[in-house]
């Protein structure tokens, strides 16, 4: 069933947003998420049927309660005023503003758990009375109704199968399933147990065909139960439109069926928002992560938790650093985002290892916003003379002596596999040239001619000898910086830790401790030169 939400625009008018699913708003801090929720609740043309669940709420759950008439219980819960009728319903939103939200709808701590309990028990009392009267008046057996408390219990126990709710009289207790003696009062429930009960109950209390706005729907909930819980709650209220407002990327990505809206900005009066369209070749979770941040974005090689990613995040603290595994994934992600109409205005960059790339390839990558390091691989940043000198000084050692030991060790390692490094660089350049194959030829003959010409133009001996001269010159001139630029061997940083009296791998850890501490700016300035043209973005 199609539902409609009216939203404010940058022109202070409203726009109707139609959807067959729930809506999820995601935005960075300061994008007006909570203020949008309060606008929908109190200023929207639809505010009479909106029920908002605040992120700022007390989870103090009473052990027992006393029911009242169902109309009063519902009014007190939904708007804070008990005596709503046809004559004063025009003031319903004002009652919400003043009574429920204490005139501070964006920041007020909502303390309505007792009101929710009164409502649920009042509903149970009302339904039980109706059932009893109907049973007395009928000669046939009548099925007892499923009260709202029954529905809360059913979903609560489905989400927490190891627990059981005991609803007796006017109180609620809990026990561990299959352990009948282990009973505890509702006030002793965990935050997670209480918030699950609260969210189910609040959504059941929403007006018929209403709009349920949930600010930070993930709060107090373990990630493993967030999506299942909200899926079950949505099943309870198919008549309602669910509107989630969050900055949590994991929660947003888990709501697979929800239509996503990007809150781009809020100027204090107006919101700039946009429907999120899928970007080919980019997972939705990654897209949401980018849209949920205000930072410039840089894709890099590597995986979360690795030394190189930790170093990148320290050096590029003003960027959202997103590890993408391989260089191919970095290149594809940057190109996909730059090709997207909705994201073309974002500042998107890629940084990849040099990895035996030739200058022509490096220039082509730069045209796509992908920058190549001035070292063979990012791990070589730990081996730069500037960093080694800083580490040596920090350890109160002799920097000159330590640098000589490291240099001697790495040059010896290169000489031991010189032929391999020459061959690998040669193979890399041959692959690059083969990738230049013109696939636009239209028939078999022309395709064969294009391939034959391409292969004929590749002079393996010339490429090999050029690579050989490059490495021999590095060795002959003892050019340490060029060695770091062209020598690919990931284990080097780990292996030279012993030159500083450290265990294998501890050199990188030492550098990262300094980079995350008082030496962050110094290390950033020392390493900027190794980021090539990207260094201009590091200020």
Protein backbone atom coordinates (compact mmCIF):
# COMPACT_ATOMS: atom_id res chain seq x y z
CA UNK A 1 0.00 0.00 0.00
CA UNK A 2 1.42 3.36 -1.03
CA UNK A 3 2.00 5.83 1.78
CA UNK A 4 2.87 9.53 1.65
CA UNK A 5 5.15 11.70 3.74
CA UNK A 6 5.19 15.47 3.34
CA UNK A 7 8.68 16.93 3.70
CA UNK A 8 10.04 20.48 3.90
CA UNK A 9 12.25 21.72 1.08
CA UNK A 10 14.88 24.40 0.65
CA UNK A 11 12.13 26.80 -0.48
CA UNK A 12 10.11 26.38 2.76
CA UNK A 13 7.40 24.58 0.82
CA UNK A 14 6.48 20.93 1.31
CA UNK A 15 6.93 18.08 -1.11
CA UNK A 16 4.98 14.83 -1.04
CA UNK A 17 7.14 11.72 -1.00
CA UNK A 18 5.29 8.54 -1.98
CA UNK A 19 6.61 5.11 -1.04
CA UNK A 20 5.55 1.49 -0.74
CA UNK A 21 8.09 0.80 2.00
CA UNK A 22 9.54 2.46 5.07
CA UNK A 23 11.70 5.58 4.76
CA UNK A 24 15.17 5.96 6.22
CA UNK A 25 16.92 9.31 6.58
CA UNK A 26 20.68 9.31 7.01
CA UNK A 27 22.97 12.27 7.38
CA UNK A 28 26.12 13.54 9.03
CA UNK A 29 26.20 15.36 12.35
CA UNK A 30 24.68 18.80 11.92
CA UNK A 31 22.49 17.84 8.97
CA UNK A 32 19.32 18.46 11.01
CA UNK A 33 18.18 14.88 11.60
CA UNK A 34 16.52 15.41 14.99
CA UNK A 35 15.10 18.79 13.92
CA UNK A 36 13.53 17.11 10.91
CA UNK A 37 11.89 14.56 13.21
CA UNK A 38 10.40 17.34 15.34
CA UNK A 39 9.21 19.16 12.21
CA UNK A 40 7.37 16.05 10.98
CA UNK A 41 5.91 15.58 14.47
CA UNK A 42 4.78 19.14 15.18
CA UNK A 43 4.84 21.32 12.05
CA UNK A 44 4.01 18.98 9.21
CA UNK A 45 0.53 19.11 7.64
CA UNK A 46 0.34 15.45 8.78
CA UNK A 47 1.29 16.13 12.42
CA UNK A 48 -2.11 14.99 13.78
CA UNK A 49 -1.27 11.40 12.88
CA UNK A 50 2.47 11.42 13.70
CA UNK A 51 3.89 9.55 16.68
CA UNK A 52 7.58 10.25 17.30
CA UNK A 53 9.84 8.03 19.38
CA UNK A 54 12.73 10.13 20.65
CA UNK A 55 16.35 9.06 20.97
CA UNK A 56 16.36 10.94 24.30
CA UNK A 57 14.20 8.70 26.48
CA UNK A 58 14.16 7.27 29.96
CA UNK A 59 14.06 3.49 30.20
CA UNK A 60 12.87 3.47 33.81
CA UNK A 61 10.24 0.72 33.71
CA UNK A 62 7.79 0.45 36.65
CA UNK A 63 7.17 -2.92 38.27
CA UNK A 64 3.40 -2.42 38.33
CA UNK A 65 0.77 0.04 37.15
CA UNK A 66 -2.90 0.96 37.42
CA UNK A 67 -5.11 1.17 34.33
CA UNK A 68 -7.42 4.05 33.47
CA UNK A 69 -9.99 4.51 30.72
CA UNK A 70 -8.44 3.61 27.38
CA UNK A 71 -9.17 7.04 25.84
CA UNK A 72 -7.36 8.86 28.63
CA UNK A 73 -4.45 6.41 28.59
CA UNK A 74 -4.03 6.84 24.84
CA UNK A 75 -4.24 10.64 24.98
CA UNK A 76 -1.77 10.90 27.85
CA UNK A 77 0.74 8.71 26.01
CA UNK A 78 0.42 10.29 22.57
CA UNK A 79 0.09 13.97 23.42
CA UNK A 80 0.43 14.30 27.20
CA UNK A 81 -3.11 15.63 27.78
CA UNK A 82 -5.88 13.26 28.95
CA UNK A 83 -9.08 15.01 27.84
CA UNK A 84 -8.86 15.24 24.06
CA UNK A 85 -12.27 15.42 22.37
CA UNK A 86 -13.82 16.63 19.13
CA UNK A 87 -14.08 20.16 20.48
CA UNK A 88 -10.42 20.59 21.40
CA UNK A 89 -8.77 18.22 18.91
CA UNK A 90 -7.67 21.26 16.95
CA UNK A 91 -5.22 21.85 19.82
CA UNK A 92 -3.81 18.30 19.65
CA UNK A 93 -0.43 19.34 18.23
CA UNK A 94 -0.12 22.18 20.75
CA UNK A 95 -0.74 19.68 23.55
CA UNK A 96 2.00 17.48 22.11
CA UNK A 97 4.38 20.42 22.01
CA UNK A 98 3.63 21.67 25.53
CA UNK A 99 2.69 18.55 27.47
CA UNK A 100 4.50 15.62 25.88
CA UNK A 101 7.66 17.49 24.91
CA UNK A 102 7.67 20.18 27.62
CA UNK A 103 8.12 22.83 24.89
CA UNK A 104 11.55 21.38 24.03
CA UNK A 105 10.79 18.72 21.41
CA UNK A 106 14.34 18.43 20.05
CA UNK A 107 16.14 18.05 23.38
CA UNK A 108 13.57 17.05 26.02
CA UNK A 109 14.21 13.73 27.79
CA UNK A 110 11.05 11.74 27.17
CA UNK A 111 10.02 10.03 30.40
CA UNK A 112 6.89 8.14 29.39
CA UNK A 113 7.56 4.47 30.16
CA UNK A 114 4.95 4.51 32.93
CA UNK A 115 2.45 6.13 30.54
CA UNK A 116 3.15 3.34 28.04
CA UNK A 117 2.56 0.69 30.70
CA UNK A 118 -0.70 2.38 31.75
CA UNK A 119 -1.80 2.43 28.12
CA UNK A 120 -0.98 -1.24 27.51
CA UNK A 121 -2.71 -2.45 30.69
CA UNK A 122 -5.68 -0.14 30.03
CA UNK A 123 -5.99 -1.67 26.55
CA UNK A 124 -5.83 -5.15 28.07
CA UNK A 125 -8.50 -4.27 30.64
CA UNK A 126 -10.73 -2.77 27.95
CA UNK A 127 -10.37 -5.74 25.58
CA UNK A 128 -10.89 -8.25 28.38
CA UNK A 129 -14.09 -6.46 29.45
CA UNK A 130 -15.40 -6.45 25.88
CA UNK A 131 -14.57 -10.12 25.53
CA UNK A 132 -16.29 -11.02 28.79
CA UNK A 133 -19.47 -9.16 27.80
CA UNK A 134 -19.47 -10.73 24.35
CA UNK A 135 -18.93 -14.21 25.80
CA UNK A 136 -21.84 -13.77 28.20
CA UNK A 137 -24.14 -12.65 25.40
CA UNK A 138 -23.22 -15.52 23.08
CA UNK A 139 -24.06 -19.18 23.31
CA UNK A 140 -21.08 -20.07 21.10
CA UNK A 141 -17.47 -20.00 22.15
CA UNK A 142 -15.74 -16.74 21.27
CA UNK A 143 -11.99 -16.59 20.73
CA UNK A 144 -10.29 -14.21 23.17
CA UNK A 145 -8.78 -11.14 21.48
CA UNK A 146 -5.05 -10.62 21.06
CA UNK A 147 -4.41 -7.53 23.16
CA UNK A 148 -1.54 -5.15 22.57
CA UNK A 149 0.25 -6.68 25.55
CA UNK A 150 -0.15 -10.11 23.94
CA UNK A 151 1.47 -8.75 20.78
CA UNK A 152 4.29 -7.15 22.75
CA UNK A 153 4.94 -10.46 24.49
CA UNK A 154 4.90 -12.42 21.23
CA UNK A 155 7.42 -10.21 19.44
CA UNK A 156 9.57 -9.65 22.54
CA UNK A 157 9.96 -13.40 23.06
CA UNK A 158 10.60 -13.96 19.35
CA UNK A 159 13.50 -11.50 19.45
CA UNK A 160 14.74 -12.82 22.82
CA UNK A 161 13.93 -16.56 22.62
CA UNK A 162 15.91 -17.35 25.77
CA UNK A 163 13.65 -15.06 27.84
CA UNK A 164 9.95 -15.15 28.71
CA UNK A 165 7.62 -12.33 29.75
CA UNK A 166 5.22 -13.10 32.58
CA UNK A 167 2.14 -10.85 32.45
CA UNK A 168 0.03 -11.28 35.56
CA UNK A 169 -2.44 -8.89 37.11
CA UNK A 170 -1.03 -5.40 36.72
CA UNK A 171 2.65 -6.19 36.60
CA UNK A 172 5.22 -7.65 34.26
CA UNK A 173 8.04 -9.98 35.20
CA UNK A 174 10.71 -11.83 33.26
CA UNK A 175 12.34 -15.20 33.55
CA UNK A 176 14.97 -17.24 31.79
CA UNK A 177 13.11 -19.76 29.65
CA UNK A 178 13.08 -23.29 31.11
CA UNK A 179 14.21 -21.96 34.51
CA UNK A 180 10.89 -21.24 36.29
CA UNK A 181 12.47 -20.16 39.57
CA UNK A 182 14.68 -17.49 38.00
CA UNK A 183 12.10 -14.67 37.91
CA UNK A 184 12.90 -10.96 38.11
CA UNK A 185 10.84 -7.77 38.01
CA UNK A 186 10.54 -5.54 34.96
CA UNK A 187 12.61 -2.82 36.64
CA UNK A 188 15.50 -5.31 36.77
CA UNK A 189 15.52 -5.97 33.04
CA UNK A 190 18.59 -5.03 31.03
CA UNK A 191 18.51 -1.86 28.91
CA UNK A 192 18.17 -4.01 25.81
CA UNK A 193 15.21 -5.97 27.21
CA UNK A 194 13.45 -2.77 28.30
CA UNK A 195 14.02 -0.87 25.07
CA UNK A 196 12.68 -3.78 22.99
CA UNK A 197 9.50 -3.79 25.08
CA UNK A 198 9.28 0.01 24.83
CA UNK A 199 9.68 0.19 21.06
CA UNK A 200 7.12 -2.54 20.37
CA UNK A 201 4.60 -0.92 22.73
CA UNK A 202 5.09 2.60 21.38
CA UNK A 203 4.58 1.48 17.78
CA UNK A 204 1.42 -0.42 18.73
CA UNK A 205 0.11 2.79 20.34
CA UNK A 206 0.53 4.92 17.20
CA UNK A 207 -2.65 6.27 15.54
CA UNK A 208 -4.39 4.18 12.90
CA UNK A 209 -2.79 4.81 9.47
CA UNK A 210 -0.24 6.92 11.30
CA UNK A 211 3.34 7.96 10.71
CA UNK A 212 5.84 6.54 13.20
CA UNK A 213 9.06 8.57 13.38
CA UNK A 214 11.94 6.85 15.17
CA UNK A 215 15.00 8.92 16.03
CA UNK A 216 18.11 6.72 16.35
CA UNK A 217 16.23 3.39 16.10
CA UNK A 218 19.44 1.46 16.79
CA UNK A 219 20.13 2.90 20.24
CA UNK A 220 20.50 0.37 23.12
CA UNK A 221 20.00 -2.51 20.65
CA UNK A 222 22.62 -5.11 19.80
CA UNK A 223 23.38 -5.04 16.07
CA UNK A 224 22.27 -8.65 15.64
CA UNK A 225 18.67 -7.89 16.67
CA UNK A 226 18.14 -4.42 15.16
CA UNK A 227 16.91 -5.50 11.73
CA UNK A 228 14.84 -8.50 12.96
CA UNK A 229 13.14 -6.38 15.64
CA UNK A 230 12.08 -3.60 13.29
CA UNK A 231 10.95 -6.12 10.68
CA UNK A 232 8.63 -7.71 13.27
CA UNK A 233 7.34 -4.33 14.47
CA UNK A 234 6.58 -3.25 10.90
CA UNK A 235 4.54 -6.44 10.47
CA UNK A 236 2.44 -5.42 13.49
CA UNK A 237 1.58 -2.06 11.92
CA UNK A 238 1.20 -2.48 8.14
CA UNK A 239 -1.17 0.51 8.23
CA UNK A 240 1.60 2.87 9.37
CA UNK A 241 4.49 4.55 7.58
CA UNK A 242 7.76 3.97 9.44
CA UNK A 243 10.29 6.81 9.23
CA UNK A 244 13.76 5.99 10.58
CA UNK A 245 16.25 8.80 11.27
CA UNK A 246 19.83 7.67 11.88
CA UNK A 247 23.52 8.29 11.36
CA UNK A 248 24.35 4.59 11.87
CA UNK A 249 25.57 3.19 8.54
CA UNK A 250 25.27 -0.44 9.64
CA UNK A 251 21.64 0.05 10.68
CA UNK A 252 20.83 1.87 7.46
CA UNK A 253 22.40 -0.83 5.29
CA UNK A 254 20.53 -3.56 7.18
CA UNK A 255 17.17 -1.95 6.33
CA UNK A 256 17.28 -3.43 2.85
CA UNK A 257 13.67 -2.71 1.90
CA UNK A 258 13.63 0.87 3.20
CA UNK A 259 13.84 3.76 0.77
CA UNK A 260 16.91 5.81 1.71
CA UNK A 261 16.97 9.60 1.88
CA UNK A 262 20.18 11.59 2.23
CA UNK A 263 19.94 14.62 4.51
CA UNK A 264 22.57 16.81 2.88
CA UNK A 265 22.33 19.95 5.01
CA UNK A 266 20.22 22.12 7.33
CA UNK A 267 20.63 25.89 7.60
CA UNK A 268 18.47 26.38 10.68
CA UNK A 269 15.28 26.81 8.68
CA UNK A 270 15.42 24.59 5.60
CA UNK A 271 16.57 21.08 4.80
CA UNK A 272 18.32 19.95 1.65
CA UNK A 273 17.54 16.28 1.07
CA UNK A 274 17.76 13.84 -1.80
CA UNK A 275 16.64 10.31 -2.56
CA UNK A 276 19.63 7.97 -2.62
CA UNK A 277 20.08 6.17 -5.92
CA UNK A 278 22.16 3.04 -6.24
CA UNK A 279 25.63 3.48 -7.73
CA UNK A 280 26.69 0.67 -10.06
CA UNK A 281 29.73 -1.16 -8.74
CA UNK A 282 29.45 0.31 -5.23
CA UNK A 283 27.89 -1.54 -2.27
CA UNK A 284 25.03 0.38 -0.63
CA UNK A 285 26.73 0.21 2.78
CA UNK A 286 29.76 2.00 1.37
CA UNK A 287 27.59 4.61 -0.33
CA UNK A 288 25.76 5.27 2.95
CA UNK A 289 29.07 5.59 4.79
CA UNK A 290 30.15 8.31 2.37
CA UNK A 291 26.85 10.18 2.51
CA UNK A 292 26.81 9.95 6.31
CA UNK A 293 30.12 11.81 6.59
CA UNK A 294 30.99 15.45 6.04
CA UNK A 295 34.63 14.67 5.21
CA UNK A 296 36.36 14.44 1.88
CA UNK A 297 36.67 10.80 0.81
CA UNK A 298 39.84 8.92 -0.04
CA UNK A 299 39.89 5.26 -1.07
CA UNK A 300 43.10 3.36 -0.30
CA UNK A 301 44.45 -0.14 -0.65
CA UNK A 302 44.38 -2.42 2.38
CA UNK A 303 42.06 -3.73 5.07
CA UNK A 304 40.72 -2.31 8.31
CA UNK A 305 42.98 -3.07 11.26
CA UNK A 306 46.20 -3.19 9.25
CA UNK A 307 49.19 -0.99 10.06
CA UNK A 308 49.00 0.83 6.73
CA UNK A 309 45.33 1.78 7.14
CA UNK A 310 46.00 3.02 10.67
CA UNK A 311 48.85 5.14 9.31
CA UNK A 312 46.67 6.50 6.50
CA UNK A 313 43.96 7.53 8.98
CA UNK A 314 46.48 9.32 11.16
CA UNK A 315 48.05 11.19 8.24
CA UNK A 316 44.71 11.95 6.55
CA UNK A 317 42.64 12.81 9.62
CA UNK A 318 40.59 15.36 7.67
CA UNK A 319 39.48 12.64 5.23
CA UNK A 320 37.10 9.71 5.43
CA UNK A 321 39.63 6.95 4.70
CA UNK A 322 37.97 3.89 3.15
CA UNK A 323 40.08 0.74 2.64
CA UNK A 324 39.14 -1.13 -0.50
CA UNK A 325 41.45 -4.13 -0.54
CA UNK A 326 43.14 -4.08 -3.93
CA UNK A 327 44.22 -1.23 -6.21
CA UNK A 328 41.62 -2.40 -8.74
CA UNK A 329 38.85 -1.90 -6.19
CA UNK A 330 40.18 1.57 -5.36
CA UNK A 331 40.19 2.56 -9.03
CA UNK A 332 36.71 1.15 -9.69
CA UNK A 333 35.21 2.84 -6.60
CA UNK A 334 36.61 6.27 -7.46
CA UNK A 335 35.41 6.02 -11.06
CA UNK A 336 31.94 4.82 -10.00
CA UNK A 337 31.44 7.71 -7.58
CA UNK A 338 32.73 10.33 -9.99
CA UNK A 339 30.36 9.02 -12.66
CA UNK A 340 27.31 9.29 -10.36
CA UNK A 341 25.08 12.31 -11.01
CA UNK A 342 24.05 12.56 -7.36
CA UNK A 343 27.62 12.44 -6.03
CA UNK A 344 29.69 14.25 -8.63
CA UNK A 345 30.03 17.30 -6.34
CA UNK A 346 31.74 15.30 -3.57
CA UNK A 347 35.51 15.41 -3.24
CA UNK A 348 36.55 11.82 -4.01
CA UNK A 349 40.16 10.63 -4.30
CA UNK A 350 42.08 7.39 -4.54
CA UNK A 351 45.59 6.56 -3.33
CA UNK A 352 47.36 3.41 -4.48
CA UNK A 353 50.83 1.89 -4.24
CA UNK A 354 53.32 2.60 -7.01
CA UNK A 355 53.67 -1.16 -7.65
CA UNK A 356 56.05 -1.03 -10.66
CA UNK A 357 53.73 1.30 -12.60
CA UNK A 358 55.23 3.18 -15.53
CA UNK A 359 54.86 6.96 -15.88
CA UNK A 360 52.24 6.76 -18.65
CA UNK A 361 49.97 4.67 -16.44
CA UNK A 362 50.51 7.01 -13.47
CA UNK A 363 49.47 10.02 -15.56
CA UNK A 364 46.34 8.23 -16.79
CA UNK A 365 45.33 7.36 -13.23
CA UNK A 366 45.83 10.95 -12.12
CA UNK A 367 43.29 12.08 -14.72
CA UNK A 368 40.71 9.96 -12.87
CA UNK A 369 41.58 11.39 -9.44
CA UNK A 370 43.74 8.41 -8.44
CA UNK A 371 47.12 9.27 -6.97
CA UNK A 372 50.17 7.01 -6.86
CA UNK A 373 52.54 7.04 -3.89
CA UNK A 374 56.20 7.92 -4.34
CA UNK A 375 57.11 4.59 -2.72
CA UNK A 376 56.66 1.11 -4.14
CA UNK A 377 54.04 0.27 -1.53
CA UNK A 378 52.55 2.02 1.49
CA UNK A 379 54.52 -0.18 3.91
CA UNK A 380 57.69 1.51 2.64
CA UNK A 381 56.55 4.71 4.36
CA UNK A 382 57.68 3.07 7.60
CA UNK A 383 61.18 2.81 6.07
CA UNK A 384 61.67 6.40 4.94
CA UNK A 385 64.85 7.98 6.35
CA UNK A 386 62.87 10.77 8.01
CA UNK A 387 60.71 8.30 9.94
CA UNK A 388 63.63 6.05 10.86
CA UNK A 389 65.54 9.03 12.22
CA UNK A 390 62.54 10.10 14.32
CA UNK A 391 62.12 6.58 15.74
CA UNK A 392 65.81 6.35 16.56
CA UNK A 393 65.72 9.70 18.34
CA UNK A 394 62.61 8.70 20.27
CA UNK A 395 64.34 5.51 21.42
CA UNK A 396 67.40 7.61 22.37
CA UNK A 397 69.63 5.75 19.96
CA UNK A 398 72.17 6.87 17.36
CA UNK A 399 70.12 7.83 14.23
CA UNK A 400 73.11 7.82 11.87
CA UNK A 401 74.17 4.35 12.96
CA UNK A 402 70.60 3.00 12.80
CA UNK A 403 70.03 4.43 9.31
CA UNK A 404 73.23 2.83 8.05
CA UNK A 405 72.24 -0.56 9.45
CA UNK A 406 68.78 -0.35 7.86
CA UNK A 407 70.18 0.81 4.52
CA UNK A 408 72.79 -1.95 4.44
CA UNK A 409 70.16 -4.56 5.32
CA UNK A 410 67.65 -3.47 2.65
CA UNK A 411 70.24 -3.07 -0.11
CA UNK A 412 71.50 -6.57 0.71
CA UNK A 413 67.89 -7.84 0.49
CA UNK A 414 67.47 -6.19 -2.92
CA UNK A 415 70.74 -7.59 -4.27
CA UNK A 416 69.67 -11.09 -3.16
CA UNK A 417 66.60 -10.91 -5.41
CA UNK A 418 67.72 -8.40 -8.00
CA UNK A 419 66.93 -10.64 -10.98
CA UNK A 420 63.43 -11.29 -9.61
CA UNK A 421 62.72 -7.57 -9.13
CA UNK A 422 63.94 -6.77 -12.66
CA UNK A 423 61.75 -9.51 -14.12
CA UNK A 424 58.68 -8.45 -12.13
CA UNK A 425 59.03 -4.83 -13.24
CA UNK A 426 59.48 -5.95 -16.85
CA UNK A 427 56.39 -8.16 -16.66
CA UNK A 428 54.37 -5.29 -15.17
CA UNK A 429 55.23 -2.96 -18.05
CA UNK A 430 54.43 -5.66 -20.63
CA UNK A 431 51.01 -6.14 -19.01
CA UNK A 432 50.37 -2.41 -19.19
CA UNK A 433 51.20 -2.34 -22.90
CA UNK A 434 48.97 -5.35 -23.57
CA UNK A 435 46.09 -3.53 -21.88
CA UNK A 436 46.35 -0.90 -24.61
CA UNK A 437 44.91 -3.37 -27.12
CA UNK A 438 42.39 -1.66 -29.40
CA UNK A 439 39.21 -3.73 -29.00
CA UNK A 440 37.21 -1.52 -31.37
CA UNK A 441 38.22 -3.51 -34.45
CA UNK A 442 35.12 -4.91 -36.14
CA UNK A 443 36.10 -8.27 -37.61
CA UNK A 444 38.46 -11.20 -37.09
CA UNK A 445 41.10 -9.97 -39.53
CA UNK A 446 41.32 -6.49 -38.05
CA UNK A 447 41.37 -7.84 -34.50
CA UNK A 448 44.26 -10.15 -35.41
CA UNK A 449 46.10 -7.31 -37.14
CA UNK A 450 45.65 -5.05 -34.10
CA UNK A 451 46.95 -7.75 -31.76
CA UNK A 452 49.90 -8.64 -34.01
CA UNK A 453 50.90 -4.98 -34.21
CA UNK A 454 50.60 -4.52 -30.46
CA UNK A 455 52.76 -7.57 -29.73
CA UNK A 456 55.30 -6.59 -32.39
CA UNK A 457 55.66 -3.16 -30.79
CA UNK A 458 56.49 -4.67 -27.40
CA UNK A 459 60.26 -5.00 -27.23
CA UNK A 460 60.82 -7.30 -24.24
CA UNK A 461 64.59 -6.95 -24.36
CA UNK A 462 64.35 -3.16 -24.37
CA UNK A 463 61.96 -3.16 -21.41
CA UNK A 464 64.05 -5.70 -19.52
CA UNK A 465 67.30 -3.84 -20.04
CA UNK A 466 65.66 -0.57 -19.00
CA UNK A 467 64.47 -2.17 -15.76
CA UNK A 468 67.90 -3.70 -15.22
CA UNK A 469 69.63 -0.32 -15.64
CA UNK A 470 67.18 1.25 -13.19
CA UNK A 471 67.94 -1.21 -10.41
CA UNK A 472 71.67 -1.36 -11.10
CA UNK A 473 71.85 2.42 -10.88
CA UNK A 474 69.98 2.35 -7.54
CA UNK A 475 72.49 -0.17 -6.19
CA UNK A 476 75.58 1.50 -7.67
CA UNK A 477 74.57 4.97 -6.43
CA UNK A 478 73.34 3.62 -3.10
CA UNK A 479 70.17 5.65 -3.73
CA UNK A 480 68.02 4.77 -0.72
CA UNK A 481 64.98 6.88 -1.66
CA UNK A 482 64.82 5.39 -5.16
CA UNK A 483 65.14 1.96 -3.59
CA UNK A 484 61.97 2.68 -1.57
CA UNK A 485 60.31 3.93 -4.75
CA UNK A 486 60.96 0.84 -6.85
CA UNK A 487 61.60 -2.07 -4.47
CA UNK A 488 58.45 -4.10 -3.70
CA UNK A 489 58.79 -6.38 -0.70
CA UNK A 490 56.09 -6.17 1.97
CA UNK A 491 58.06 -7.83 4.77
CA UNK A 492 60.83 -5.21 4.89
CA UNK A 493 59.34 -3.02 7.64
CA UNK A 494 58.83 -6.08 9.82
CA UNK A 495 62.32 -7.47 9.17
CA UNK A 496 64.31 -4.34 9.99
CA UNK A 497 62.72 -3.85 13.45
CA UNK A 498 65.75 -5.62 14.92
CA UNK A 499 68.01 -2.77 13.75
CA UNK A 500 66.39 -0.68 16.49
CA UNK A 501 66.50 -3.35 19.18
CA UNK A 502 62.83 -4.12 18.57
CA UNK A 503 61.03 -7.39 17.94
CA UNK A 504 59.75 -8.26 14.45
CA UNK A 505 56.87 -5.93 13.55
CA UNK A 506 57.41 -3.52 16.44
CA UNK A 507 58.86 -0.77 14.25
CA UNK A 508 55.48 -0.12 12.60
CA UNK A 509 53.78 -0.18 16.01
CA UNK A 510 56.27 2.38 17.31
CA UNK A 511 55.63 4.68 14.32
CA UNK A 512 51.86 4.39 14.76
CA UNK A 513 52.08 5.25 18.47
CA UNK A 514 53.96 8.41 17.54
CA UNK A 515 51.59 9.19 14.66
CA UNK A 516 48.54 8.93 16.91
CA UNK A 517 50.18 10.98 19.66
CA UNK A 518 52.18 14.16 20.03
CA UNK A 519 54.18 13.56 16.83
CA UNK A 520 51.16 13.37 14.50
CA UNK A 521 51.74 16.68 12.71
CA UNK A 522 55.49 16.14 12.54
CA UNK A 523 55.09 12.72 10.92
CA UNK A 524 52.47 14.09 8.54
CA UNK A 525 54.87 16.81 7.41
CA UNK A 526 57.74 14.35 7.08
CA UNK A 527 55.75 12.00 4.86
CA UNK A 528 53.87 14.49 2.66
CA UNK A 529 56.66 14.39 0.07
CA UNK A 530 55.95 10.68 -0.51
CA UNK A 531 52.33 11.37 -1.50
CA UNK A 532 53.33 13.10 -4.73
CA UNK A 533 50.69 15.44 -6.14
CA UNK A 534 48.20 14.37 -3.47
CA UNK A 535 50.29 16.25 -0.88
CA UNK A 536 48.53 19.48 -1.93
CA UNK A 537 45.31 18.07 -0.43
CA UNK A 538 46.90 17.22 2.92
CA UNK A 539 46.98 20.73 4.43
